[in-house]
Amino acid sequence: MIIKTAVVEILAEKALLNTTDVKLDFSIQDLGLDSLGIVEAIFSLEERFNIDIDLNFNNMESSDFDISSVNQIIKSVEKIVKKKNGRS
């Protein structure tokens, strides 16, 4: 399964949406995720890809993990997975 598909599936599940309803330009707010939903989605992403996501909700600007849109979440996960697998 490619990363994009898995990320969309996880976000759709947490937002109680169909995967076809999730658009790449959607923000977290567009998905309807509250703070608990965001945390649950992050935990699910970490578990699914066996990665650690460094995300400080008190200082989002200092984080390398971008949750501004579905597409940015996908790119952030891809970056972490590549780094984990020794590819830059």
PDB file of N, CA and C in Angstrom:
ATOM      1  N   MET A   1       0.852  -1.180   0.000  1.00  0.00           N
ATOM      2  CA  MET A   1       0.000   0.000   0.000  1.00  0.00           C
ATOM      3  C   MET A   1       0.891   1.235   0.000  1.00  0.00           C
ATOM      4  N   ILE A   2       0.583   2.161  -0.862  1.00  0.00           N
ATOM      5  CA  ILE A   2       1.398   3.369  -0.911  1.00  0.00           C
ATOM      6  C   ILE A   2       1.041   4.291   0.253  1.00  0.00           C
ATOM      7  N   ILE A   3       1.974   5.147   0.588  1.00  0.00           N
ATOM      8  CA  ILE A   3       1.815   6.021   1.746  1.00  0.00           C
ATOM      9  C   ILE A   3       0.579   6.904   1.606  1.00  0.00           C
ATOM     10  N   LYS A   4       0.402   7.487   0.440  1.00  0.00           N
ATOM     11  CA  LYS A   4      -0.735   8.393   0.222  1.00  0.00           C
ATOM     12  C   LYS A   4      -2.055   7.716   0.561  1.00  0.00           C
ATOM     13  N   THR A   5      -2.249   6.511   0.059  1.00  0.00           N
ATOM     14  CA  THR A   5      -3.496   5.777   0.292  1.00  0.00           C
ATOM     15  C   THR A   5      -3.693   5.490   1.765  1.00  0.00           C
ATOM     16  N   ALA A   6      -2.635   5.056   2.441  1.00  0.00           N
ATOM     17  CA  ALA A   6      -2.731   4.718   3.861  1.00  0.00           C
ATOM     18  C   ALA A   6      -3.030   5.956   4.704  1.00  0.00           C
ATOM     19  N   VAL A   7      -2.387   7.072   4.394  1.00  0.00           N
ATOM     20  CA  VAL A   7      -2.625   8.307   5.146  1.00  0.00           C
ATOM     21  C   VAL A   7      -4.070   8.756   4.972  1.00  0.00           C
ATOM     22  N   VAL A   8      -4.550   8.734   3.743  1.00  0.00           N
ATOM     23  CA  VAL A   8      -5.938   9.135   3.480  1.00  0.00           C
ATOM     24  C   VAL A   8      -6.903   8.213   4.211  1.00  0.00           C
ATOM     25  N   GLU A   9      -6.633   6.920   4.203  1.00  0.00           N
ATOM     26  CA  GLU A   9      -7.502   5.973   4.919  1.00  0.00           C
ATOM     27  C   GLU A   9      -7.544   6.266   6.408  1.00  0.00           C
ATOM     28  N   ILE A  10      -6.398   6.530   6.999  1.00  0.00           N
ATOM     29  CA  ILE A  10      -6.325   6.818   8.434  1.00  0.00           C
ATOM     30  C   ILE A  10      -7.070   8.117   8.756  1.00  0.00           C
ATOM     31  N   LEU A  11      -6.823   9.153   7.981  1.00  0.00           N
ATOM     32  CA  LEU A  11      -7.486  10.431   8.238  1.00  0.00           C
ATOM     33  C   LEU A  11      -8.995  10.316   8.036  1.00  0.00           C
ATOM     34  N   ALA A  12      -9.402   9.594   7.019  1.00  0.00           N
ATOM     35  CA  ALA A  12     -10.841   9.401   6.773  1.00  0.00           C
ATOM     36  C   ALA A  12     -11.483   8.654   7.932  1.00  0.00           C
ATOM     37  N   GLU A  13     -10.807   7.620   8.413  1.00  0.00           N
ATOM     38  CA  GLU A  13     -11.346   6.843   9.534  1.00  0.00           C
ATOM     39  C   GLU A  13     -11.523   7.714  10.775  1.00  0.00           C
ATOM     40  N   LYS A  14     -10.507   8.507  11.085  1.00  0.00           N
ATOM     41  CA  LYS A  14     -10.572   9.361  12.275  1.00  0.00           C
ATOM     42  C   LYS A  14     -11.604  10.472  12.125  1.00  0.00           C
ATOM     43  N   ALA A  15     -11.835  10.913  10.885  1.00  0.00           N
ATOM     44  CA  ALA A  15     -12.796  11.984  10.629  1.00  0.00           C
ATOM     45  C   ALA A  15     -14.199  11.449  10.342  1.00  0.00           C
ATOM     46  N   LEU A  16     -14.328  10.124  10.362  1.00  0.00           N
ATOM     47  CA  LEU A  16     -15.603   9.468  10.069  1.00  0.00           C
ATOM     48  C   LEU A  16     -16.125   9.842   8.677  1.00  0.00           C
ATOM     49  N   LEU A  17     -15.206   9.809   7.708  1.00  0.00           N
ATOM     50  CA  LEU A  17     -15.533  10.111   6.321  1.00  0.00           C
ATOM     51  C   LEU A  17     -15.185   8.927   5.432  1.00  0.00           C
ATOM     52  N   ASN A  18     -15.742   8.908   4.241  1.00  0.00           N
ATOM     53  CA  ASN A  18     -15.300   7.961   3.225  1.00  0.00           C
ATOM     54  C   ASN A  18     -13.998   8.476   2.643  1.00  0.00           C
ATOM     55  N   THR A  19     -13.135   7.575   2.222  1.00  0.00           N
ATOM     56  CA  THR A  19     -11.856   8.006   1.654  1.00  0.00           C
ATOM     57  C   THR A  19     -12.064   8.892   0.429  1.00  0.00           C
ATOM     58  N   THR A  20     -13.127   8.655  -0.312  1.00  0.00           N
ATOM     59  CA  THR A  20     -13.396   9.458  -1.509  1.00  0.00           C
ATOM     60  C   THR A  20     -13.790  10.892  -1.168  1.00  0.00           C
ATOM     61  N   ASP A  21     -14.178  11.124   0.079  1.00  0.00           N
ATOM     62  CA  ASP A  21     -14.556  12.477   0.513  1.00  0.00           C
ATOM     63  C   ASP A  21     -13.361  13.299   0.983  1.00  0.00           C
ATOM     64  N   VAL A  22     -12.218  12.658   1.152  1.00  0.00           N
ATOM     65  CA  VAL A  22     -11.017  13.338   1.634  1.00  0.00           C
ATOM     66  C   VAL A  22     -10.241  13.881   0.436  1.00  0.00           C
ATOM     67  N   LYS A  23     -10.088  15.192   0.403  1.00  0.00           N
ATOM     68  CA  LYS A  23      -9.357  15.867  -0.682  1.00  0.00           C
ATOM     69  C   LYS A  23      -7.975  16.279  -0.183  1.00  0.00           C
ATOM     70  N   LEU A  24      -6.996  16.242  -1.085  1.00  0.00           N
ATOM     71  CA  LEU A  24      -5.619  16.529  -0.697  1.00  0.00           C
ATOM     72  C   LEU A  24      -5.428  17.936  -0.158  1.00  0.00           C
ATOM     73  N   ASP A  25      -6.259  18.870  -0.578  1.00  0.00           N
ATOM     74  CA  ASP A  25      -6.107  20.245  -0.097  1.00  0.00           C
ATOM     75  C   ASP A  25      -6.898  20.525   1.179  1.00  0.00           C
ATOM     76  N   PHE A  26      -7.588  19.514   1.710  1.00  0.00           N
ATOM     77  CA  PHE A  26      -8.336  19.681   2.957  1.00  0.00           C
ATOM     78  C   PHE A  26      -7.396  19.977   4.111  1.00  0.00           C
ATOM     79  N   SER A  27      -7.816  20.897   4.963  1.00  0.00           N
ATOM     80  CA  SER A  27      -7.108  21.151   6.217  1.00  0.00           C
ATOM     81  C   SER A  27      -7.667  20.202   7.284  1.00  0.00           C
ATOM     82  N   ILE A  28      -7.039  20.219   8.427  1.00  0.00           N
ATOM     83  CA  ILE A  28      -7.538  19.436   9.562  1.00  0.00           C
ATOM     84  C   ILE A  28      -8.953  19.874   9.902  1.00  0.00           C
ATOM     85  N   GLN A  29      -9.192  21.183   9.823  1.00  0.00           N
ATOM     86  CA  GLN A  29     -10.519  21.715  10.115  1.00  0.00           C
ATOM     87  C   GLN A  29     -11.536  21.240   9.080  1.00  0.00           C
ATOM     88  N   ASP A  30     -11.135  21.192   7.809  1.00  0.00           N
ATOM     89  CA  ASP A  30     -12.029  20.688   6.753  1.00  0.00           C
ATOM     90  C   ASP A  30     -12.438  19.243   7.019  1.00  0.00           C
ATOM     91  N   LEU A  31     -11.518  18.483   7.593  1.00  0.00           N
ATOM     92  CA  LEU A  31     -11.815  17.085   7.925  1.00  0.00           C
ATOM     93  C   LEU A  31     -12.738  16.981   9.135  1.00  0.00           C
ATOM     94  N   GLY A  32     -12.784  18.049   9.921  1.00  0.00           N
ATOM     95  CA  GLY A  32     -13.620  18.038  11.114  1.00  0.00           C
ATOM     96  C   GLY A  32     -12.946  17.399  12.316  1.00  0.00           C
ATOM     97  N   LEU A  33     -11.620  17.302  12.272  1.00  0.00           N
ATOM     98  CA  LEU A  33     -10.889  16.700  13.389  1.00  0.00           C
ATOM     99  C   LEU A  33     -10.644  17.725  14.484  1.00  0.00           C
ATOM    100  N   ASP A  34     -10.969  17.333  15.714  1.00  0.00           N
ATOM    101  CA  ASP A  34     -10.636  18.174  16.866  1.00  0.00           C
ATOM    102  C   ASP A  34      -9.255  17.759  17.365  1.00  0.00           C
ATOM    103  N   SER A  35      -8.812  18.328  18.461  1.00  0.00           N
ATOM    104  CA  SER A  35      -7.462  18.037  18.954  1.00  0.00           C
ATOM    105  C   SER A  35      -7.274  16.558  19.285  1.00  0.00           C
ATOM    106  N   LEU A  36      -8.284  15.925  19.864  1.00  0.00           N
ATOM    107  CA  LEU A  36      -8.187  14.492  20.158  1.00  0.00           C
ATOM    108  C   LEU A  36      -8.114  13.688  18.860  1.00  0.00           C
ATOM    109  N   GLY A  37      -8.889  14.059  17.875  1.00  0.00           N
ATOM    110  CA  GLY A  37      -8.849  13.375  16.587  1.00  0.00           C
ATOM    111  C   GLY A  37      -7.495  13.494  15.912  1.00  0.00           C
ATOM    112  N   ILE A  38      -6.877  14.661  16.048  1.00  0.00           N
ATOM    113  CA  ILE A  38      -5.538  14.859  15.481  1.00  0.00           C
ATOM    114  C   ILE A  38      -4.537  13.946  16.171  1.00  0.00           C
ATOM    115  N   VAL A  39      -4.587  13.905  17.494  1.00  0.00           N
ATOM    116  CA  VAL A  39      -3.668  13.046  18.254  1.00  0.00           C
ATOM    117  C   VAL A  39      -3.877  11.583  17.888  1.00  0.00           C
ATOM    118  N   GLU A  40      -5.127  11.150  17.780  1.00  0.00           N
ATOM    119  CA  GLU A  40      -5.412   9.767  17.392  1.00  0.00           C
ATOM    120  C   GLU A  40      -4.891   9.471  15.989  1.00  0.00           C
ATOM    121  N   ALA A  41      -5.033  10.427  15.083  1.00  0.00           N
ATOM    122  CA  ALA A  41      -4.530  10.239  13.721  1.00  0.00           C
ATOM    123  C   ALA A  41      -3.009  10.122  13.720  1.00  0.00           C
ATOM    124  N   ILE A  42      -2.340  10.968  14.497  1.00  0.00           N
ATOM    125  CA  ILE A  42      -0.878  10.915  14.586  1.00  0.00           C
ATOM    126  C   ILE A  42      -0.429   9.568  15.136  1.00  0.00           C
ATOM    127  N   PHE A  43      -1.075   9.097  16.205  1.00  0.00           N
ATOM    128  CA  PHE A  43      -0.730   7.790  16.767  1.00  0.00           C
ATOM    129  C   PHE A  43      -0.943   6.682  15.744  1.00  0.00           C
ATOM    130  N   SER A  44      -2.026   6.755  14.990  1.00  0.00           N
ATOM    131  CA  SER A  44      -2.304   5.746  13.967  1.00  0.00           C
ATOM    132  C   SER A  44      -1.256   5.771  12.859  1.00  0.00           C
ATOM    133  N   LEU A  45      -0.834   6.963  12.465  1.00  0.00           N
ATOM    134  CA  LEU A  45       0.214   7.076  11.451  1.00  0.00           C
ATOM    135  C   LEU A  45       1.527   6.482  11.966  1.00  0.00           C
ATOM    136  N   GLU A  46       1.857   6.792  13.219  1.00  0.00           N
ATOM    137  CA  GLU A  46       3.085   6.234  13.806  1.00  0.00           C
ATOM    138  C   GLU A  46       3.037   4.714  13.836  1.00  0.00           C
ATOM    139  N   GLU A  47       1.906   4.179  14.230  1.00  0.00           N
ATOM    140  CA  GLU A  47       1.751   2.726  14.317  1.00  0.00           C
ATOM    141  C   GLU A  47       1.784   2.078  12.936  1.00  0.00           C
ATOM    142  N   ARG A  48       1.069   2.654  11.987  1.00  0.00           N
ATOM    143  CA  ARG A  48       0.977   2.077  10.641  1.00  0.00           C
ATOM    144  C   ARG A  48       2.326   2.022   9.944  1.00  0.00           C
ATOM    145  N   PHE A  49       3.121   3.094  10.097  1.00  0.00           N
ATOM    146  CA  PHE A  49       4.393   3.179   9.386  1.00  0.00           C
ATOM    147  C   PHE A  49       5.603   2.892  10.269  1.00  0.00           C
ATOM    148  N   ASN A  50       5.355   2.562  11.537  1.00  0.00           N
ATOM    149  CA  ASN A  50       6.426   2.275  12.486  1.00  0.00           C
ATOM    150  C   ASN A  50       7.441   3.427  12.513  1.00  0.00           C
ATOM    151  N   ILE A  51       6.907   4.628  12.718  1.00  0.00           N
ATOM    152  CA  ILE A  51       7.724   5.839  12.751  1.00  0.00           C
ATOM    153  C   ILE A  51       7.418   6.631  14.015  1.00  0.00           C
ATOM    154  N   ASP A  52       8.280   7.592  14.306  1.00  0.00           N
ATOM    155  CA  ASP A  52       8.040   8.536  15.390  1.00  0.00           C
ATOM    156  C   ASP A  52       7.807   9.908  14.774  1.00  0.00           C
ATOM    157  N   ILE A  53       6.684  10.500  15.113  1.00  0.00           N
ATOM    158  CA  ILE A  53       6.350  11.827  14.611  1.00  0.00           C
ATOM    159  C   ILE A  53       6.570  12.823  15.737  1.00  0.00           C
ATOM    160  N   ASP A  54       7.498  13.744  15.506  1.00  0.00           N
ATOM    161  CA  ASP A  54       7.819  14.775  16.489  1.00  0.00           C
ATOM    162  C   ASP A  54       6.928  15.977  16.215  1.00  0.00           C
ATOM    163  N   LEU A  55       5.875  16.103  17.008  1.00  0.00           N
ATOM    164  CA  LEU A  55       4.911  17.170  16.800  1.00  0.00           C
ATOM    165  C   LEU A  55       4.584  17.801  18.140  1.00  0.00           C
ATOM    166  N   ASN A  56       4.938  19.064  18.284  1.00  0.00           N
ATOM    167  CA  ASN A  56       4.683  19.799  19.511  1.00  0.00           C
ATOM    168  C   ASN A  56       3.478  20.707  19.273  1.00  0.00           C
ATOM    169  N   PHE A  57       2.338  20.352  19.835  1.00  0.00           N
ATOM    170  CA  PHE A  57       1.120  21.125  19.623  1.00  0.00           C
ATOM    171  C   PHE A  57       1.186  22.512  20.244  1.00  0.00           C
ATOM    172  N   ASN A  58       2.107  22.708  21.189  1.00  0.00           N
ATOM    173  CA  ASN A  58       2.263  24.024  21.807  1.00  0.00           C
ATOM    174  C   ASN A  58       3.113  24.962  20.964  1.00  0.00           C
ATOM    175  N   ASN A  59       3.879  24.389  20.028  1.00  0.00           N
ATOM    176  CA  ASN A  59       4.751  25.197  19.171  1.00  0.00           C
ATOM    177  C   ASN A  59       4.824  24.547  17.794  1.00  0.00           C
ATOM    178  N   MET A  60       3.732  24.637  17.051  1.00  0.00           N
ATOM    179  CA  MET A  60       3.630  23.966  15.757  1.00  0.00           C
ATOM    180  C   MET A  60       4.667  24.467  14.754  1.00  0.00           C
ATOM    181  N   GLU A  61       5.072  25.717  14.861  1.00  0.00           N
ATOM    182  CA  GLU A  61       6.025  26.286  13.911  1.00  0.00           C
ATOM    183  C   GLU A  61       7.395  25.627  13.990  1.00  0.00           C
ATOM    184  N   SER A  62       7.727  25.058  15.136  1.00  0.00           N
ATOM    185  CA  SER A  62       9.049  24.458  15.311  1.00  0.00           C
ATOM    186  C   SER A  62       9.094  22.998  14.854  1.00  0.00           C
ATOM    187  N   SER A  63       7.971  22.469  14.433  1.00  0.00           N
ATOM    188  CA  SER A  63       7.898  21.069  14.033  1.00  0.00           C
ATOM    189  C   SER A  63       8.179  20.900  12.550  1.00  0.00           C
ATOM    190  N   ASP A  64       8.873  19.824  12.202  1.00  0.00           N
ATOM    191  CA  ASP A  64       9.099  19.478  10.799  1.00  0.00           C
ATOM    192  C   ASP A  64       7.884  18.767  10.211  1.00  0.00           C
ATOM    193  N   PHE A  65       6.958  18.346  11.065  1.00  0.00           N
ATOM    194  CA  PHE A  65       5.772  17.629  10.604  1.00  0.00           C
ATOM    195  C   PHE A  65       4.656  18.636  10.371  1.00  0.00           C
ATOM    196  N   ASP A  66       4.258  18.768   9.122  1.00  0.00           N
ATOM    197  CA  ASP A  66       3.286  19.782   8.711  1.00  0.00           C
ATOM    198  C   ASP A  66       1.895  19.172   8.623  1.00  0.00           C
ATOM    199  N   ILE A  67       0.968  19.683   9.434  1.00  0.00           N
ATOM    200  CA  ILE A  67      -0.405  19.175   9.401  1.00  0.00           C
ATOM    201  C   ILE A  67      -1.371  20.209   8.820  1.00  0.00           C
ATOM    202  N   SER A  68      -0.846  21.112   7.981  1.00  0.00           N
ATOM    203  CA  SER A  68      -1.683  22.174   7.431  1.00  0.00           C
ATOM    204  C   SER A  68      -2.693  21.669   6.400  1.00  0.00           C
ATOM    205  N   SER A  69      -2.398  20.531   5.773  1.00  0.00           N
ATOM    206  CA  SER A  69      -3.328  19.951   4.803  1.00  0.00           C
ATOM    207  C   SER A  69      -3.067  18.453   4.704  1.00  0.00           C
ATOM    208  N   VAL A  70      -3.996  17.754   4.108  1.00  0.00           N
ATOM    209  CA  VAL A  70      -3.828  16.312   3.897  1.00  0.00           C
ATOM    210  C   VAL A  70      -2.564  16.070   3.080  1.00  0.00           C
ATOM    211  N   ASN A  71      -2.365  16.860   2.031  1.00  0.00           N
ATOM    212  CA  ASN A  71      -1.185  16.678   1.180  1.00  0.00           C
ATOM    213  C   ASN A  71       0.108  16.895   1.962  1.00  0.00           C
ATOM    214  N   GLN A  72       0.136  17.891   2.839  1.00  0.00           N
ATOM    215  CA  GLN A  72       1.336  18.144   3.645  1.00  0.00           C
ATOM    216  C   GLN A  72       1.583  17.018   4.651  1.00  0.00           C
ATOM    217  N   ILE A  73       0.523  16.442   5.177  1.00  0.00           N
ATOM    218  CA  ILE A  73       0.674  15.298   6.083  1.00  0.00           C
ATOM    219  C   ILE A  73       1.295  14.139   5.317  1.00  0.00           C
ATOM    220  N   ILE A  74       0.817  13.882   4.108  1.00  0.00           N
ATOM    221  CA  ILE A  74       1.373  12.809   3.273  1.00  0.00           C
ATOM    222  C   ILE A  74       2.860  13.054   3.024  1.00  0.00           C
ATOM    223  N   LYS A  75       3.215  14.276   2.634  1.00  0.00           N
ATOM    224  CA  LYS A  75       4.616  14.612   2.368  1.00  0.00           C
ATOM    225  C   LYS A  75       5.474  14.448   3.624  1.00  0.00           C
ATOM    226  N   SER A  76       4.936  14.845   4.769  1.00  0.00           N
ATOM    227  CA  SER A  76       5.688  14.717   6.026  1.00  0.00           C
ATOM    228  C   SER A  76       5.930  13.256   6.376  1.00  0.00           C
ATOM    229  N   VAL A  77       4.908  12.422   6.197  1.00  0.00           N
ATOM    230  CA  VAL A  77       5.066  10.987   6.469  1.00  0.00           C
ATOM    231  C   VAL A  77       6.081  10.386   5.495  1.00  0.00           C
ATOM    232  N   GLU A  78       5.974  10.728   4.220  1.00  0.00           N
ATOM    233  CA  GLU A  78       6.928  10.212   3.222  1.00  0.00           C
ATOM    234  C   GLU A  78       8.360  10.573   3.596  1.00  0.00           C
ATOM    235  N   LYS A  79       8.563  11.801   4.052  1.00  0.00           N
ATOM    236  CA  LYS A  79       9.897  12.264   4.438  1.00  0.00           C
ATOM    237  C   LYS A  79      10.443  11.448   5.616  1.00  0.00           C
ATOM    238  N   ILE A  80       9.609  11.213   6.611  1.00  0.00           N
ATOM    239  CA  ILE A  80      10.047  10.441   7.781  1.00  0.00           C
ATOM    240  C   ILE A  80      10.333   8.993   7.401  1.00  0.00           C
ATOM    241  N   VAL A  81       9.487   8.402   6.574  1.00  0.00           N
ATOM    242  CA  VAL A  81       9.677   7.007   6.154  1.00  0.00           C
ATOM    243  C   VAL A  81      10.972   6.878   5.344  1.00  0.00           C
ATOM    244  N   LYS A  82      11.213   7.807   4.429  1.00  0.00           N
ATOM    245  CA  LYS A  82      12.456   7.778   3.635  1.00  0.00           C
ATOM    246  C   LYS A  82      13.678   7.896   4.532  1.00  0.00           C
ATOM    247  N   LYS A  83      13.608   8.809   5.500  1.00  0.00           N
ATOM    248  CA  LYS A  83      14.730   8.999   6.423  1.00  0.00           C
ATOM    249  C   LYS A  83      14.960   7.720   7.248  1.00  0.00           C
ATOM    250  N   LYS A  84      13.869   7.116   7.687  1.00  0.00           N
ATOM    251  CA  LYS A  84      13.948   5.890   8.480  1.00  0.00           C
ATOM    252  C   LYS A  84      14.600   4.765   7.669  1.00  0.00           C
ATOM    253  N   ASN A  85      14.291   4.736   6.387  1.00  0.00           N
ATOM    254  CA  ASN A  85      14.818   3.682   5.511  1.00  0.00           C
ATOM    255  C   ASN A  85      16.175   4.035   4.916  1.00  0.00           C
ATOM    256  N   GLY A  86      16.748   5.141   5.372  1.00  0.00           N
ATOM    257  CA  GLY A  86      18.100   5.519   4.949  1.00  0.00           C
ATOM    258  C   GLY A  86      18.167   6.218   3.618  1.00  0.00           C
ATOM    259  N   ARG A  87      17.040   6.750   3.160  1.00  0.00           N
ATOM    260  CA  ARG A  87      17.005   7.502   1.900  1.00  0.00           C
ATOM    261  C   ARG A  87      16.614   8.934   2.194  1.00  0.00           C
ATOM    262  N   SER A  88      17.298   9.858   1.557  1.00  0.00           N
ATOM    263  CA  SER A  88      16.981  11.274   1.767  1.00  0.00           C
ATOM    264  C   SER A  88      16.210  11.850   0.625  1.00  0.00           C
TER     265      SER A  88
END
